[in-house]
C-alpha atoms as a PDB file:
ATOM      1  CA  MET A   1       0.000   0.000   0.000  1.00  0.00           C
ATOM      2  CA  CYS A   2       1.263   3.487  -0.817  1.00  0.00           C
ATOM      3  CA  LEU A   3       0.310   6.411   1.376  1.00  0.00           C
ATOM      4  CA  GLY A   4       0.621  10.136   0.970  1.00  0.00           C
ATOM      5  CA  ILE A   5       1.628  11.985   4.108  1.00  0.00           C
ATOM      6  CA  PRO A   6       0.293  15.471   4.878  1.00  0.00           C
ATOM      7  CA  ALA A   7       3.144  17.914   5.459  1.00  0.00           C
ATOM      8  CA  GLN A   8       3.419  21.639   6.006  1.00  0.00           C
ATOM      9  CA  ILE A   9       5.824  23.720   3.923  1.00  0.00           C
ATOM     10  CA  VAL A  10       8.262  25.508   6.232  1.00  0.00           C
ATOM     11  CA  ALA A  11      10.787  26.860   3.693  1.00  0.00           C
ATOM     12  CA  LEU A  12      11.087  27.360  -0.044  1.00  0.00           C
ATOM     13  CA  HIS A  13      14.267  26.764  -2.064  1.00  0.00           C
ATOM     14  CA  PRO A  14      15.335  27.247  -5.683  1.00  0.00           C
ATOM     15  CA  ASP A  15      14.531  24.664  -8.348  1.00  0.00           C
ATOM     16  CA  ASN A  16      11.034  23.857  -7.018  1.00  0.00           C
ATOM     17  CA  LEU A  17      12.286  22.399  -3.743  1.00  0.00           C
ATOM     18  CA  ALA A  18      10.767  23.003  -0.335  1.00  0.00           C
ATOM     19  CA  THR A  19      11.360  21.904   3.218  1.00  0.00           C
ATOM     20  CA  VAL A  20       8.309  20.334   4.825  1.00  0.00           C
ATOM     21  CA  SER A  21       7.564  19.318   8.395  1.00  0.00           C
ATOM     22  CA  VAL A  22       5.611  16.297   9.589  1.00  0.00           C
ATOM     23  CA  ASN A  23       5.395  15.702  13.325  1.00  0.00           C
ATOM     24  CA  GLY A  24       8.565  17.757  13.795  1.00  0.00           C
ATOM     25  CA  VAL A  25      10.603  15.845  11.185  1.00  0.00           C
ATOM     26  CA  GLN A  26      11.751  18.045   8.313  1.00  0.00           C
ATOM     27  CA  ARG A  27      12.580  16.890   4.813  1.00  0.00           C
ATOM     28  CA  ASP A  28      13.320  18.525   1.506  1.00  0.00           C
ATOM     29  CA  ILE A  29      10.870  17.574  -1.213  1.00  0.00           C
ATOM     30  CA  SER A  30      10.062  18.543  -4.768  1.00  0.00           C
ATOM     31  CA  VAL A  31       7.038  20.786  -5.300  1.00  0.00           C
ATOM     32  CA  GLU A  32       7.461  20.809  -9.063  1.00  0.00           C
ATOM     33  CA  LEU A  33       4.316  18.740  -9.693  1.00  0.00           C
ATOM     34  CA  ILE A  34       2.046  21.281  -7.986  1.00  0.00           C
ATOM     35  CA  ALA A  35       3.999  24.510  -8.603  1.00  0.00           C
ATOM     36  CA  ALA A  36       2.871  24.576 -12.224  1.00  0.00           C
ATOM     37  CA  ASP A  37      -0.688  25.345 -11.051  1.00  0.00           C
ATOM     38  CA  ALA A  38       0.284  28.195  -8.712  1.00  0.00           C
ATOM     39  CA  PRO A  39       3.344  29.080  -6.642  1.00  0.00           C
ATOM     40  CA  VAL A  40       3.619  27.246  -3.333  1.00  0.00           C
ATOM     41  CA  VAL A  41       3.891  29.306  -0.161  1.00  0.00           C
ATOM     42  CA  THR A  42       5.307  28.774   3.299  1.00  0.00           C
ATOM     43  CA  GLY A  43       2.645  27.467   5.683  1.00  0.00           C
ATOM     44  CA  GLU A  44       0.738  25.636   2.960  1.00  0.00           C
ATOM     45  CA  TRP A  45      -0.149  21.968   3.474  1.00  0.00           C
ATOM     46  CA  VAL A  46       0.651  19.373   0.818  1.00  0.00           C
ATOM     47  CA  LEU A  47       0.273  15.637   0.379  1.00  0.00           C
ATOM     48  CA  VAL A  48       3.752  14.055   0.041  1.00  0.00           C
ATOM     49  CA  HIS A  49       4.693  10.706  -1.472  1.00  0.00           C
ATOM     50  CA  VAL A  50       8.272   9.523  -2.104  1.00  0.00           C
ATOM     51  CA  GLY A  51       9.721  13.012  -1.946  1.00  0.00           C
ATOM     52  CA  PHE A  52       7.153  14.780  -4.134  1.00  0.00           C
ATOM     53  CA  ALA A  53       4.224  17.009  -3.232  1.00  0.00           C
ATOM     54  CA  LEU A  54       1.289  15.516  -5.121  1.00  0.00           C
ATOM     55  CA  ALA A  55      -1.535  17.851  -4.069  1.00  0.00           C
ATOM     56  CA  ARG A  56      -2.385  20.861  -1.955  1.00  0.00           C
ATOM     57  CA  ILE A  57      -4.635  20.218   1.034  1.00  0.00           C
ATOM     58  CA  ASP A  58      -6.036  22.390   3.797  1.00  0.00           C
ATOM     59  CA  GLU A  59      -5.035  22.113   7.450  1.00  0.00           C
ATOM     60  CA  ALA A  60      -8.268  20.386   8.489  1.00  0.00           C
ATOM     61  CA  GLU A  61      -7.791  17.698   5.851  1.00  0.00           C
ATOM     62  CA  ALA A  62      -4.118  17.332   6.838  1.00  0.00           C
ATOM     63  CA  THR A  63      -4.980  16.852  10.513  1.00  0.00           C
ATOM     64  CA  ALA A  64      -7.787  14.406   9.793  1.00  0.00           C
ATOM     65  CA  THR A  65      -5.628  12.424   7.362  1.00  0.00           C
ATOM     66  CA  LEU A  66      -2.692  12.195   9.791  1.00  0.00           C
ATOM     67  CA  ASP A  67      -5.049  11.001  12.529  1.00  0.00           C
ATOM     68  CA  GLN A  68      -6.515   8.320  10.276  1.00  0.00           C
ATOM     69  CA  ILE A  69      -3.280   6.996   8.792  1.00  0.00           C
ATOM     70  CA  LYS A  70      -1.703   6.688  12.224  1.00  0.00           C
ATOM     71  CA  LYS A  71      -4.457   4.150  12.934  1.00  0.00           C
ATOM     72  CA  LEU A  72      -3.202   1.939  10.075  1.00  0.00           C
ATOM     73  CA  GLY A  73      -0.507   0.427  12.270  1.00  0.00           C
ATOM     74  CA  GLN A  74       2.295  -1.194  10.271  1.00  0.00           C
ATOM     75  CA  ASN A  75       1.380   0.547   7.005  1.00  0.00           C
ATOM     76  CA  TRP A  76       1.786   3.904   8.766  1.00  0.00           C
ATOM     77  CA  THR A  77       5.083   2.781  10.291  1.00  0.00           C
ATOM     78  CA  ASP A  78       6.403   1.673   6.890  1.00  0.00           C
ATOM     79  CA  GLU A  79       5.394   4.933   5.209  1.00  0.00           C
ATOM     80  CA  TRP A  80       6.793   7.008   8.074  1.00  0.00           C
ATOM     81  CA  ASP A  81      10.119   5.165   7.899  1.00  0.00           C
ATOM     82  CA  ALA A  82      10.282   5.817   4.150  1.00  0.00           C
ATOM     83  CA  PHE A  83       9.522   9.506   4.706  1.00  0.00           C
ATOM     84  CA  VAL A  84      12.212   9.869   7.356  1.00  0.00           C
ATOM     85  CA  GLU A  85      14.791   8.160   5.130  1.00  0.00           C
ATOM     86  CA  THR A  86      13.920  10.067   1.945  1.00  0.00           C
ATOM     87  CA  ASP A  87      15.722  13.305   1.216  1.00  0.00           C
ATOM     88  CA  ILE A  88      15.999  14.327  -2.416  1.00  0.00           C
ATOM     89  CA  ARG A  89      18.900  16.727  -1.959  1.00  0.00           C
END
């Protein structure tokens, strides 16, 4: 199973890269897939999968999604481990 993890953008970098935070863990990801629609901004929430922001989401959806996926047990643990280990820089 593949999961997208809600993350909040905390910094923007050149070349469509951004630093996001999930539960206090920060990672650099690509925002190229969503930046074509409109520029991303600090504080915005995105859905992240394997180092790429796939969609913009609001804070309520991010909170609800994080709460639900944490209930998935091992699938959440696997996705979280992949997120922590992935850094595209």
